[in-house]
Amino acid sequence: MKNLNLIETAAHNRQAINKSFRNITVLILVCAIPAAICKLFFWEYTRRALVTSWRYKDLRYVTDVGWPATIYTWGSRFAIAFMVIYLYLRFKQDLKKPSFGVAGNGIFINQQMLYNAFVPWENIKKAELLGPVESPFMRLTFKDTTNLLKGQPFLLKMIAKPFIKNNPVLSITKSETIGNIRKMHEMINDKISQNI
């Protein structure tokens, strides 16, 4: 974030973020603990066998067969997959900076698929306020997605690019952002109308 003088900001919904981290941690443990326990019984209930592939009937290979081998294999694979998801969720946004902000020359987005992204007013096509009065959400439509993704970390850019290229819309919701969305919507519309 380049020393932006943010006029209005919205914080991350820490409660929702912590809940998702807890859920992923539980999933990791649910997969890793049985895998670790099965490793204790591995050699007692497992044997080496020549197995024929289900897909390719002429393919045969030697592998470990038995319930500990099966649980260990699938448990460790899912545990690793959930760890990767946990790391992605942890580093996809900078929690030290606001989730969303309005500055004099554009908006700052640090949520969903954008990491510390600054979007100038010229790149915002429109901003709509939708949803019920008590819990509105703002939908932003962008003109140029290439400039939007410029400056994003490589891995996050590779994940975000297919989604944002096909649908250059981002929703700012109460589930991810704690702040006055209605006031920020009015500020954004004023700035967009001045730039037209």
Foldseek 3Di string as FASTA:
>chain_A
DPPFPFPFFWAWPVVLLVVVLVVLVVLLCVLVVLLVVLVVCQVVFKDWDWDADPVDRVDIDIDIDGDSVVSNVVSVVSSVVSVVVSVCSVPQFDNVDTQKTAGPFFIFHGDDLAYRFTDGLVFWPAKDWDDDPVWIKIKTATDDVVNRLPPGPPVSSVVCVVVCVVGVMDMGGPNTTGGDRVVVNVVSVVVNVVVD
